[in-house]
Amino acid sequence: MVMSTDKSSQSAQMTPWLSVELAANIEADTALQALLAPVHRWLNILSVRNHSPHTLTAYFAGVNQLALYLRGKRLTWTRCDKRQLAQHISQRLDEDKLALASVQQELSAIRHFYGWLIEEELARINPTTGYQLKRSPRPLPSIADVDLLTQLLDQAIPDTPEQARLWLRDKAMFELLYSSGLRVGELVALDMADMDLSDLRVRVTGKGNKTRIVPLGVKAAEAIARYVPHRNLWVEQMDSALFISEKLGTRLSTRAVQQRLKVAATRAGIAQNMYPHLLRHCFASHMLSGSGDLRAVQEMLGHSDISTTQIYTHVDFAKLTQVYDRAHPRATHAQNDSNST
């Protein structure tokens, strides 16, 4: 039993998308092992190509669910057709009660896996080809107006020296999130060498390890310049990170950024829920509203698909509709007035 546990632990280390418990369950199931052998080969290749551990774990989870279904039916990957896939997806939605978005992610993983099987000549047909789930309406991102962001970013510096030092760092982070539309993961991954305060630009490593150069606002550059001397005093072990924990002297975590933003919002008297991605939403909406240049905003956000960026056009249209309804004599408010008489 001890040997089995050790073997499962080694297996989980070699395949980081597996937990020790899951590795043990797979080892006890020879039929499942056979089905998952090509899956591990595929994920190892993606790992070498610098796909993130989070992506690999999500891909494995989706494909593993189909493997469990096929094992129960005594089928192989090559004997899974559209009918079998539809039954599996229905089971995930109706019996397992998974959200549509989660099933969409699983279907995407299965589609990618079958694409690789065909490339490797291990399968001839991709059962996901032409198979689509009905998409649920995508919710519009919440946006804070410029006045609220001004209230957050221009708040008075705290009275105590300790809190004042932390605010210099926090203000630099929040100015950068809003100035350049970064994801919080991109923010904490920044190194000192990524910043060019003289040319006002920042080098960002985004999803898929893709690098982009993003403009840096003057206010963000000024805030970073004020913070850096404190950062240099806090840093331990020659850490290259731009944003440092004062207590630990090492790279700040995404969780810490989330907590510090809530603290700053409360201190500024802001009731709206503030979170790092909201500042990215605000950047996108305000940039698009001011410029109308969808392609430029797509590039700055690091979106691979412009349809992801287009959601912000709906946000702007909602604002335009409100203006129209208030101002136009034949708009909604006029109809409502006539109905009430």
Foldseek 3Di string as FASTA:
>chain_A
DVVLLVVLVVVCVVPVLDDSVRSSVCVVPVQLVVQCPLVSVVLVVVVVLVADSVLNNLLCVLVSLLSVLCVVVVHHPQPQALVNVVVSLCCCCPVVVDDPVSSVSSLVSLQVSVVVCVVVVVYPDRRCVVPDDDDDDDDFDDADDPVLVCLLLVPDQDDDPVSNLVVLLLSLLLLQCLFQLEDLVQQLPAFPVQDDLVQQWGWTQDHSRDIAITGHDNVSSVSLVVNQVVLVVQAPPPERTSRADNVPNYGDDQVVSQVVSVVSCVVSVHPDRDGSNNSSLNNLLVVCVVPVDLVVSCRSNVPPDSVVSCSSVVVVVVVVLVVCQVPPCPHDVVVVVVVVD
